[in-house]
């Protein structure tokens, strides 16, 4: 009788352990699929924000476009990204979604500003906020950390005058950003 009970307990324990590992495996498979999908969505967002970053100076400085045409073009860009954010909200962090959207919305004010100093402030803020959006996207996807791991493993010796100038400018920018 005790042998049968031990056998039954062993069978039950085996089933529980098997179920635990089956579920764990399923979660890992699910996580891989979700990660791949999220990465694609963030790649697309990064691309759309990058495109917006390159278009805004052209729109603002174009002498061939009226103020209304500029607003319409920018509105189309903002609308496209807003639709993309809405469609992809399942995969995109709310904070990044809000940061990107607010970065784009603030630029809409630049078309009504006549003062060039004020206009330049809006452009500068957009440049900083959109650069921050790109950084947030890289951080959220894990690519920033993966890049750090690769550099740790490969220990590349990246040296050139251009890289040196870039690193010095980046250090100055970072110091200036912390002091205001």
N, C-alpha and C. Protein backbone atom coordinates (compact mmCIF):
# COMPACT_ATOMS: atom_id res chain seq x y z
N UNK A 1 0.82 -1.20 0.00
CA UNK A 1 0.00 0.00 0.00
C UNK A 1 0.86 1.26 0.00
N UNK A 2 1.88 1.32 0.84
CA UNK A 2 2.75 2.49 0.88
C UNK A 2 3.53 2.64 -0.42
N UNK A 3 3.85 1.54 -1.06
CA UNK A 3 4.56 1.62 -2.34
C UNK A 3 3.66 2.26 -3.40
N UNK A 4 2.40 1.88 -3.39
CA UNK A 4 1.46 2.46 -4.34
C UNK A 4 1.27 3.94 -4.07
N UNK A 5 1.22 4.33 -2.80
CA UNK A 5 1.07 5.74 -2.43
C UNK A 5 2.30 6.54 -2.84
N UNK A 6 3.47 5.98 -2.62
CA UNK A 6 4.72 6.64 -3.03
C UNK A 6 4.75 6.78 -4.56
N UNK A 7 4.35 5.74 -5.25
CA UNK A 7 4.29 5.79 -6.72
C UNK A 7 3.33 6.85 -7.21
N UNK A 8 2.17 6.94 -6.57
CA UNK A 8 1.17 7.95 -6.94
C UNK A 8 1.70 9.35 -6.66
N UNK A 9 2.33 9.55 -5.51
CA UNK A 9 2.92 10.86 -5.18
C UNK A 9 4.03 11.21 -6.17
N UNK A 10 4.83 10.21 -6.53
CA UNK A 10 5.89 10.44 -7.52
C UNK A 10 5.32 10.85 -8.86
N UNK A 11 4.24 10.18 -9.26
CA UNK A 11 3.57 10.52 -10.51
C UNK A 11 3.02 11.95 -10.47
N UNK A 12 2.35 12.31 -9.38
CA UNK A 12 1.81 13.66 -9.23
C UNK A 12 2.91 14.70 -9.22
N UNK A 13 3.98 14.41 -8.50
CA UNK A 13 5.11 15.33 -8.44
C UNK A 13 5.73 15.49 -9.84
N UNK A 14 5.85 14.40 -10.57
CA UNK A 14 6.37 14.44 -11.93
C UNK A 14 5.50 15.28 -12.84
N UNK A 15 4.17 15.13 -12.71
CA UNK A 15 3.25 15.93 -13.52
C UNK A 15 3.36 17.42 -13.20
N UNK A 16 3.47 17.74 -11.92
CA UNK A 16 3.60 19.15 -11.51
C UNK A 16 4.89 19.76 -12.03
N UNK A 17 5.97 19.02 -11.91
CA UNK A 17 7.26 19.53 -12.40
C UNK A 17 7.22 19.69 -13.92
N UNK A 18 6.65 18.72 -14.60
CA UNK A 18 6.53 18.78 -16.06
C UNK A 18 5.69 19.99 -16.47
N UNK A 19 4.60 20.22 -15.80
CA UNK A 19 3.73 21.37 -16.10
C UNK A 19 4.46 22.69 -15.84
N UNK A 20 5.21 22.75 -14.76
CA UNK A 20 5.97 23.96 -14.43
C UNK A 20 6.94 24.29 -15.57
N UNK A 21 7.72 23.31 -16.01
CA UNK A 21 8.70 23.56 -17.06
C UNK A 21 8.04 23.82 -18.42
N UNK A 22 6.90 23.20 -18.70
CA UNK A 22 6.17 23.46 -19.92
C UNK A 22 5.69 24.91 -19.97
N UNK A 23 5.13 25.38 -18.85
CA UNK A 23 4.66 26.77 -18.79
C UNK A 23 5.82 27.76 -18.89
N UNK A 24 6.89 27.43 -18.23
CA UNK A 24 8.07 28.30 -18.27
C UNK A 24 8.59 28.41 -19.70
N UNK A 25 8.64 27.30 -20.41
CA UNK A 25 9.08 27.28 -21.79
C UNK A 25 8.14 28.11 -22.67
N UNK A 26 6.85 27.99 -22.42
CA UNK A 26 5.87 28.74 -23.19
C UNK A 26 6.04 30.24 -22.95
N UNK A 27 6.28 30.62 -21.72
CA UNK A 27 6.49 32.04 -21.39
C UNK A 27 7.74 32.56 -22.09
N UNK A 28 8.80 31.76 -22.11
CA UNK A 28 10.03 32.19 -22.79
C UNK A 28 9.80 32.36 -24.29
N UNK A 29 9.05 31.43 -24.89
CA UNK A 29 8.73 31.56 -26.32
C UNK A 29 7.90 32.81 -26.58
N UNK A 30 6.93 33.05 -25.72
CA UNK A 30 6.07 34.22 -25.83
C UNK A 30 6.90 35.50 -25.68
N UNK A 31 7.81 35.49 -24.72
CA UNK A 31 8.66 36.67 -24.48
C UNK A 31 9.52 36.97 -25.70
N UNK A 32 10.03 35.95 -26.36
CA UNK A 32 10.84 36.17 -27.57
C UNK A 32 10.01 36.83 -28.67
N UNK A 33 8.80 36.33 -28.85
CA UNK A 33 7.93 36.89 -29.89
C UNK A 33 7.56 38.34 -29.57
N UNK A 34 7.24 38.62 -28.32
CA UNK A 34 6.89 39.98 -27.91
C UNK A 34 8.09 40.90 -28.06
N UNK A 35 9.27 40.43 -27.66
CA UNK A 35 10.47 41.26 -27.78
C UNK A 35 10.74 41.61 -29.24
N UNK A 36 10.62 40.62 -30.13
CA UNK A 36 10.86 40.86 -31.55
C UNK A 36 9.87 41.89 -32.09
N UNK A 37 8.62 41.77 -31.71
CA UNK A 37 7.59 42.71 -32.17
C UNK A 37 7.84 44.11 -31.62
N UNK A 38 8.17 44.18 -30.33
CA UNK A 38 8.46 45.48 -29.72
C UNK A 38 9.65 46.14 -30.40
N UNK A 39 10.68 45.37 -30.67
CA UNK A 39 11.87 45.91 -31.32
C UNK A 39 11.51 46.50 -32.68
N UNK A 40 10.68 45.81 -33.43
CA UNK A 40 10.26 46.31 -34.75
C UNK A 40 9.46 47.61 -34.61
N UNK A 41 8.57 47.65 -33.64
CA UNK A 41 7.76 48.86 -33.42
C UNK A 41 8.66 50.03 -33.03
N UNK A 42 9.61 49.79 -32.14
CA UNK A 42 10.51 50.86 -31.72
C UNK A 42 11.44 51.28 -32.87
N UNK A 43 11.85 50.34 -33.72
CA UNK A 43 12.64 50.70 -34.90
C UNK A 43 11.84 51.64 -35.79
N UNK A 44 10.57 51.31 -36.01
CA UNK A 44 9.72 52.16 -36.84
C UNK A 44 9.52 53.54 -36.21
N UNK A 45 9.31 53.58 -34.90
CA UNK A 45 9.16 54.88 -34.21
C UNK A 45 10.44 55.70 -34.33
N UNK A 46 11.58 55.06 -34.15
CA UNK A 46 12.87 55.73 -34.26
C UNK A 46 13.02 56.33 -35.66
N UNK A 47 12.64 55.55 -36.66
CA UNK A 47 12.73 56.01 -38.05
C UNK A 47 11.80 57.21 -38.30
N UNK A 48 10.58 57.14 -37.79
CA UNK A 48 9.62 58.23 -37.97
C UNK A 48 10.10 59.51 -37.26
N UNK A 49 10.62 59.36 -36.05
CA UNK A 49 11.12 60.53 -35.32
C UNK A 49 12.35 61.12 -36.01
N UNK A 50 13.19 60.26 -36.54
CA UNK A 50 14.38 60.71 -37.25
C UNK A 50 13.99 61.50 -38.51
N UNK A 51 12.99 61.00 -39.20
CA UNK A 51 12.49 61.70 -40.38
C UNK A 51 11.92 63.06 -40.00
N UNK A 52 11.16 63.11 -38.91
CA UNK A 52 10.60 64.38 -38.45
C UNK A 52 11.71 65.36 -38.09
N UNK A 53 12.77 64.84 -37.45
CA UNK A 53 13.90 65.70 -37.08
C UNK A 53 14.55 66.32 -38.30
N UNK A 54 14.64 65.56 -39.37
CA UNK A 54 15.30 66.09 -40.56
C UNK A 54 14.40 67.02 -41.37
N UNK A 55 13.09 66.85 -41.24
CA UNK A 55 12.15 67.65 -42.04
C UNK A 55 11.87 69.02 -41.43
N UNK A 56 11.84 69.12 -40.12
CA UNK A 56 11.43 70.39 -39.49
C UNK A 56 12.29 71.58 -39.92
N UNK A 57 13.62 71.48 -39.99
CA UNK A 57 14.37 72.66 -40.44
C UNK A 57 14.04 73.05 -41.88
N UNK A 58 13.79 72.05 -42.71
CA UNK A 58 13.45 72.33 -44.11
C UNK A 58 12.12 73.06 -44.19
N UNK A 59 11.16 72.61 -43.41
CA UNK A 59 9.84 73.25 -43.42
C UNK A 59 9.93 74.69 -42.91
N UNK A 60 10.62 74.88 -41.82
CA UNK A 60 10.70 76.22 -41.23
C UNK A 60 11.45 77.19 -42.14
N UNK A 61 12.53 76.72 -42.75
CA UNK A 61 13.38 77.61 -43.55
C UNK A 61 12.94 77.77 -45.00
N UNK A 62 11.98 76.97 -45.45
CA UNK A 62 11.57 77.02 -46.85
C UNK A 62 10.87 78.34 -47.16
N UNK A 63 11.40 79.03 -48.15
CA UNK A 63 10.79 80.30 -48.59
C UNK A 63 9.70 80.04 -49.61
N UNK A 64 9.65 78.83 -50.14
CA UNK A 64 8.66 78.49 -51.17
C UNK A 64 7.30 78.14 -50.57
N UNK A 65 7.24 77.90 -49.28
CA UNK A 65 5.99 77.46 -48.64
C UNK A 65 5.36 78.60 -47.84
N UNK A 66 4.07 78.68 -47.91
CA UNK A 66 3.36 79.66 -47.08
C UNK A 66 3.27 79.09 -45.66
N UNK A 67 2.86 79.95 -44.74
CA UNK A 67 2.71 79.52 -43.34
C UNK A 67 1.69 78.39 -43.24
N UNK A 68 0.59 78.51 -43.97
CA UNK A 68 -0.45 77.47 -43.94
C UNK A 68 0.05 76.15 -44.52
N UNK A 69 0.85 76.22 -45.58
CA UNK A 69 1.41 74.98 -46.15
C UNK A 69 2.37 74.31 -45.17
N UNK A 70 3.16 75.12 -44.51
CA UNK A 70 4.09 74.58 -43.50
C UNK A 70 3.32 73.88 -42.38
N UNK A 71 2.27 74.56 -41.91
CA UNK A 71 1.46 73.96 -40.84
C UNK A 71 0.82 72.66 -41.30
N UNK A 72 0.33 72.64 -42.53
CA UNK A 72 -0.32 71.43 -43.05
C UNK A 72 0.67 70.28 -43.16
N UNK A 73 1.87 70.56 -43.67
CA UNK A 73 2.89 69.50 -43.80
C UNK A 73 3.26 68.96 -42.42
N UNK A 74 3.49 69.89 -41.49
CA UNK A 74 3.86 69.45 -40.13
C UNK A 74 2.70 68.70 -39.48
N UNK A 75 1.50 69.16 -39.69
CA UNK A 75 0.32 68.50 -39.15
C UNK A 75 0.21 67.07 -39.69
N UNK A 76 0.50 66.88 -40.97
CA UNK A 76 0.47 65.54 -41.57
C UNK A 76 1.52 64.63 -40.91
N UNK A 77 2.70 65.18 -40.65
CA UNK A 77 3.76 64.40 -40.00
C UNK A 77 3.35 64.01 -38.59
N UNK A 78 2.84 64.98 -37.84
CA UNK A 78 2.41 64.72 -36.47
C UNK A 78 1.26 63.71 -36.46
N UNK A 79 0.33 63.88 -37.38
CA UNK A 79 -0.81 62.97 -37.47
C UNK A 79 -0.36 61.54 -37.78
N UNK A 80 0.58 61.40 -38.69
CA UNK A 80 1.12 60.08 -39.04
C UNK A 80 1.74 59.40 -37.83
N UNK A 81 2.56 60.14 -37.10
CA UNK A 81 3.23 59.57 -35.93
C UNK A 81 2.22 59.30 -34.83
N UNK A 82 1.25 60.19 -34.65
CA UNK A 82 0.22 59.97 -33.63
C UNK A 82 -0.58 58.70 -33.93
N UNK A 83 -0.94 58.50 -35.19
CA UNK A 83 -1.66 57.27 -35.58
C UNK A 83 -0.79 56.04 -35.33
N UNK A 84 0.48 56.15 -35.65
CA UNK A 84 1.40 55.04 -35.41
C UNK A 84 1.49 54.73 -33.92
N UNK A 85 1.58 55.78 -33.09
CA UNK A 85 1.65 55.58 -31.64
C UNK A 85 0.38 54.93 -31.11
N UNK A 86 -0.76 55.39 -31.60
CA UNK A 86 -2.03 54.79 -31.18
C UNK A 86 -2.11 53.32 -31.58
N UNK A 87 -1.73 53.04 -32.82
CA UNK A 87 -1.80 51.67 -33.33
C UNK A 87 -0.83 50.74 -32.58
N UNK A 88 0.28 51.29 -32.11
CA UNK A 88 1.33 50.48 -31.49
C UNK A 88 1.37 50.61 -29.97
N UNK A 89 0.32 51.17 -29.37
CA UNK A 89 0.37 51.44 -27.93
C UNK A 89 0.56 50.19 -27.08
N UNK A 90 0.23 49.04 -27.61
CA UNK A 90 0.40 47.78 -26.88
C UNK A 90 1.88 47.51 -26.61
N UNK A 91 2.74 47.99 -27.49
CA UNK A 91 4.17 47.68 -27.40
C UNK A 91 5.03 48.85 -26.92
N UNK A 92 4.51 50.07 -27.01
CA UNK A 92 5.32 51.25 -26.69
C UNK A 92 5.01 51.74 -25.28
N UNK A 93 6.05 52.05 -24.56
CA UNK A 93 5.90 52.59 -23.21
C UNK A 93 5.12 53.90 -23.26
N UNK A 94 4.21 54.09 -22.31
CA UNK A 94 3.41 55.32 -22.26
C UNK A 94 4.29 56.56 -22.16
N UNK A 95 5.35 56.46 -21.39
CA UNK A 95 6.24 57.61 -21.19
C UNK A 95 6.91 58.01 -22.50
N UNK A 96 7.38 57.03 -23.25
CA UNK A 96 8.04 57.35 -24.52
C UNK A 96 7.01 57.87 -25.52
N UNK A 97 5.85 57.26 -25.52
CA UNK A 97 4.76 57.71 -26.40
C UNK A 97 4.45 59.18 -26.12
N UNK A 98 4.30 59.52 -24.86
CA UNK A 98 3.97 60.89 -24.48
C UNK A 98 5.11 61.85 -24.81
N UNK A 99 6.35 61.43 -24.53
CA UNK A 99 7.50 62.30 -24.81
C UNK A 99 7.57 62.61 -26.31
N UNK A 100 7.45 61.58 -27.15
CA UNK A 100 7.52 61.79 -28.60
C UNK A 100 6.39 62.70 -29.08
N UNK A 101 5.19 62.42 -28.62
CA UNK A 101 4.05 63.21 -29.07
C UNK A 101 4.18 64.67 -28.64
N UNK A 102 4.53 64.91 -27.39
CA UNK A 102 4.67 66.29 -26.91
C UNK A 102 5.82 67.01 -27.60
N UNK A 103 6.88 66.30 -27.93
CA UNK A 103 8.00 66.89 -28.67
C UNK A 103 7.51 67.40 -30.02
N UNK A 104 6.68 66.62 -30.67
CA UNK A 104 6.17 67.01 -31.99
C UNK A 104 5.15 68.15 -31.89
N UNK A 105 4.27 68.07 -30.92
CA UNK A 105 3.21 69.08 -30.76
C UNK A 105 3.80 70.46 -30.50
N UNK A 106 4.82 70.52 -29.69
CA UNK A 106 5.41 71.83 -29.34
C UNK A 106 5.94 72.56 -30.57
N UNK A 107 6.38 71.84 -31.58
CA UNK A 107 6.93 72.48 -32.77
C UNK A 107 5.87 73.24 -33.55
N UNK A 108 4.62 72.82 -33.45
CA UNK A 108 3.54 73.48 -34.17
C UNK A 108 3.45 74.96 -33.86
N UNK A 109 3.92 75.35 -32.68
CA UNK A 109 3.89 76.77 -32.29
C UNK A 109 4.87 77.62 -33.09
N UNK A 110 5.92 77.00 -33.63
CA UNK A 110 6.99 77.76 -34.28
C UNK A 110 6.48 78.52 -35.51
N UNK A 111 5.43 78.03 -36.16
CA UNK A 111 4.95 78.65 -37.39
C UNK A 111 4.22 79.97 -37.13
N UNK A 112 3.74 80.17 -35.91
CA UNK A 112 3.04 81.41 -35.58
C UNK A 112 3.96 82.44 -34.91
N UNK A 113 5.16 82.07 -34.64
CA UNK A 113 6.10 82.96 -33.96
C UNK A 113 6.84 83.81 -34.98
N UNK A 114 6.81 85.10 -34.77
CA UNK A 114 7.48 86.03 -35.69
C UNK A 114 8.90 86.34 -35.21
N UNK A 115 9.10 86.36 -33.90
CA UNK A 115 10.40 86.69 -33.32
C UNK A 115 11.39 85.55 -33.61
N UNK A 116 12.50 85.88 -34.29
CA UNK A 116 13.47 84.85 -34.67
C UNK A 116 14.15 84.22 -33.46
N UNK A 117 14.35 85.00 -32.40
CA UNK A 117 14.97 84.44 -31.18
C UNK A 117 14.05 83.39 -30.56
N UNK A 118 12.78 83.72 -30.48
CA UNK A 118 11.80 82.78 -29.93
C UNK A 118 11.69 81.54 -30.82
N UNK A 119 11.72 81.77 -32.11
CA UNK A 119 11.65 80.66 -33.07
C UNK A 119 12.86 79.74 -32.88
N UNK A 120 14.01 80.35 -32.70
CA UNK A 120 15.24 79.57 -32.51
C UNK A 120 15.18 78.77 -31.20
N UNK A 121 14.57 79.33 -30.17
CA UNK A 121 14.40 78.60 -28.90
C UNK A 121 13.54 77.36 -29.08
N UNK A 122 12.46 77.50 -29.86
CA UNK A 122 11.58 76.35 -30.12
C UNK A 122 12.34 75.28 -30.90
N UNK A 123 13.11 75.71 -31.90
CA UNK A 123 13.91 74.76 -32.69
C UNK A 123 14.93 74.04 -31.82
N UNK A 124 15.57 74.81 -30.96
CA UNK A 124 16.60 74.23 -30.08
C UNK A 124 15.96 73.21 -29.13
N UNK A 125 14.82 73.57 -28.57
CA UNK A 125 14.11 72.66 -27.66
C UNK A 125 13.68 71.39 -28.40
N UNK A 126 13.21 71.57 -29.65
CA UNK A 126 12.83 70.41 -30.45
C UNK A 126 14.03 69.50 -30.71
N UNK A 127 15.15 70.09 -31.05
CA UNK A 127 16.37 69.32 -31.31
C UNK A 127 16.75 68.53 -30.06
N UNK A 128 16.73 69.18 -28.91
CA UNK A 128 17.08 68.50 -27.65
C UNK A 128 16.06 67.43 -27.29
N UNK A 129 14.78 67.75 -27.40
CA UNK A 129 13.74 66.79 -27.03
C UNK A 129 13.70 65.60 -27.99
N UNK A 130 13.91 65.85 -29.27
CA UNK A 130 13.90 64.74 -30.22
C UNK A 130 15.14 63.87 -30.05
N UNK A 131 16.28 64.48 -29.73
CA UNK A 131 17.48 63.69 -29.43
C UNK A 131 17.25 62.84 -28.18
N UNK A 132 16.58 63.42 -27.21
CA UNK A 132 16.25 62.67 -25.99
C UNK A 132 15.29 61.53 -26.32
N UNK A 133 14.36 61.74 -27.23
CA UNK A 133 13.43 60.68 -27.64
C UNK A 133 14.21 59.52 -28.26
N UNK A 134 15.17 59.83 -29.10
CA UNK A 134 15.99 58.78 -29.71
C UNK A 134 16.75 57.99 -28.65
N UNK A 135 17.27 58.71 -27.67
CA UNK A 135 17.99 58.05 -26.58
C UNK A 135 17.06 57.18 -25.74
N UNK A 136 15.87 57.68 -25.46
CA UNK A 136 14.89 56.90 -24.69
C UNK A 136 14.50 55.63 -25.44
N UNK A 137 14.33 55.75 -26.74
CA UNK A 137 13.98 54.58 -27.56
C UNK A 137 15.10 53.55 -27.50
N UNK A 138 16.33 54.00 -27.65
CA UNK A 138 17.47 53.07 -27.57
C UNK A 138 17.52 52.40 -26.20
N UNK A 139 17.26 53.16 -25.16
CA UNK A 139 17.28 52.60 -23.82
C UNK A 139 16.17 51.59 -23.60
N UNK A 140 14.98 51.91 -24.09
CA UNK A 140 13.81 51.04 -23.89
C UNK A 140 13.96 49.72 -24.65
N UNK A 141 14.58 49.74 -25.81
CA UNK A 141 14.74 48.52 -26.59
C UNK A 141 15.85 47.63 -26.04
N UNK A 142 16.73 48.20 -25.22
CA UNK A 142 17.84 47.42 -24.70
C UNK A 142 19.07 47.50 -25.60
N UNK A 143 18.95 48.19 -26.72
CA UNK A 143 20.07 48.26 -27.66
C UNK A 143 21.26 49.02 -27.08
N UNK A 144 20.97 50.01 -26.26
CA UNK A 144 22.05 50.77 -25.63
C UNK A 144 22.88 49.86 -24.74
N UNK A 145 22.21 49.06 -23.93
CA UNK A 145 22.90 48.15 -23.02
C UNK A 145 23.61 47.03 -23.79
N UNK A 146 22.97 46.52 -24.85
CA UNK A 146 23.60 45.48 -25.66
C UNK A 146 24.87 46.02 -26.31
N UNK A 147 24.81 47.26 -26.79
CA UNK A 147 26.00 47.91 -27.36
C UNK A 147 27.11 48.00 -26.34
N UNK A 148 26.74 48.33 -25.11
CA UNK A 148 27.74 48.42 -24.04
C UNK A 148 28.36 47.04 -23.79
N UNK A 149 27.54 46.00 -23.77
CA UNK A 149 28.05 44.64 -23.57
C UNK A 149 29.00 44.25 -24.70
N UNK A 150 28.63 44.56 -25.94
CA UNK A 150 29.50 44.24 -27.07
C UNK A 150 30.84 44.95 -26.94
N UNK A 151 30.79 46.24 -26.58
CA UNK A 151 32.05 46.99 -26.42
C UNK A 151 32.88 46.41 -25.28
N UNK A 152 32.23 45.92 -24.23
CA UNK A 152 32.95 45.32 -23.11
C UNK A 152 33.65 44.05 -23.55
N UNK A 153 32.98 43.26 -24.38
CA UNK A 153 33.56 42.00 -24.83
C UNK A 153 34.64 42.22 -25.89
N UNK A 154 34.35 43.07 -26.87
CA UNK A 154 35.28 43.24 -27.98
C UNK A 154 36.40 44.22 -27.68
N UNK A 155 36.17 45.14 -26.74
CA UNK A 155 37.13 46.18 -26.36
C UNK A 155 37.77 46.85 -27.60
N UNK A 156 36.93 47.45 -28.44
CA UNK A 156 37.47 48.09 -29.65
C UNK A 156 38.27 49.34 -29.30
N UNK A 157 39.27 49.59 -30.09
CA UNK A 157 40.09 50.80 -29.92
C UNK A 157 39.69 51.77 -31.04
N UNK A 158 38.61 52.50 -30.80
CA UNK A 158 38.10 53.43 -31.81
C UNK A 158 38.77 54.79 -31.61
N UNK A 159 39.71 55.08 -32.50
CA UNK A 159 40.44 56.34 -32.37
C UNK A 159 40.55 57.01 -33.74
N UNK A 160 40.17 58.27 -33.75
CA UNK A 160 40.37 59.12 -34.93
C UNK A 160 40.16 60.55 -34.46
N UNK A 161 40.57 61.47 -35.26
CA UNK A 161 40.38 62.88 -34.91
C UNK A 161 38.90 63.23 -34.85
N UNK A 162 38.11 62.64 -35.73
CA UNK A 162 36.66 62.90 -35.72
C UNK A 162 36.02 62.37 -34.45
N UNK A 163 36.41 61.18 -34.05
CA UNK A 163 35.86 60.59 -32.83
C UNK A 163 36.29 61.41 -31.62
N UNK A 164 37.53 61.83 -31.60
CA UNK A 164 38.04 62.65 -30.49
C UNK A 164 37.25 63.96 -30.39
N UNK A 165 37.02 64.63 -31.52
CA UNK A 165 36.25 65.88 -31.53
C UNK A 165 34.82 65.64 -31.07
N UNK A 166 34.24 64.54 -31.54
CA UNK A 166 32.87 64.20 -31.15
C UNK A 166 32.79 63.97 -29.65
N UNK A 167 33.72 63.22 -29.09
CA UNK A 167 33.69 62.92 -27.65
C UNK A 167 33.88 64.19 -26.82
N UNK A 168 34.73 65.10 -27.27
CA UNK A 168 34.92 66.36 -26.55
C UNK A 168 33.64 67.21 -26.60
N UNK A 169 33.03 67.28 -27.77
CA UNK A 169 31.78 68.04 -27.90
C UNK A 169 30.68 67.42 -27.05
N UNK A 170 30.63 66.11 -27.02
CA UNK A 170 29.62 65.41 -26.22
C UNK A 170 29.83 65.69 -24.73
N UNK A 171 31.08 65.66 -24.29
CA UNK A 171 31.37 65.97 -22.87
C UNK A 171 30.95 67.39 -22.51
N UNK A 172 31.25 68.36 -23.39
CA UNK A 172 30.85 69.75 -23.16
C UNK A 172 29.34 69.87 -23.10
N UNK A 173 28.66 69.21 -24.04
CA UNK A 173 27.20 69.25 -24.09
C UNK A 173 26.61 68.64 -22.82
N UNK A 174 27.13 67.53 -22.37
CA UNK A 174 26.63 66.87 -21.18
C UNK A 174 26.85 67.73 -19.93
N UNK A 175 28.00 68.37 -19.84
CA UNK A 175 28.28 69.26 -18.69
C UNK A 175 27.33 70.46 -18.71
N UNK A 176 27.12 71.02 -19.88
CA UNK A 176 26.26 72.18 -20.03
C UNK A 176 24.80 71.80 -19.71
N UNK A 177 24.39 70.61 -20.11
CA UNK A 177 23.04 70.13 -19.85
C UNK A 177 22.77 69.96 -18.37
N UNK A 178 23.78 69.57 -17.60
CA UNK A 178 23.58 69.38 -16.16
C UNK A 178 23.58 70.69 -15.39
N UNK A 179 24.28 71.67 -15.93
CA UNK A 179 24.34 72.94 -15.21
C UNK A 179 23.25 73.89 -15.63
N UNK A 180 22.50 73.52 -16.66
CA UNK A 180 21.37 74.36 -17.06
C UNK A 180 21.64 75.03 -18.32
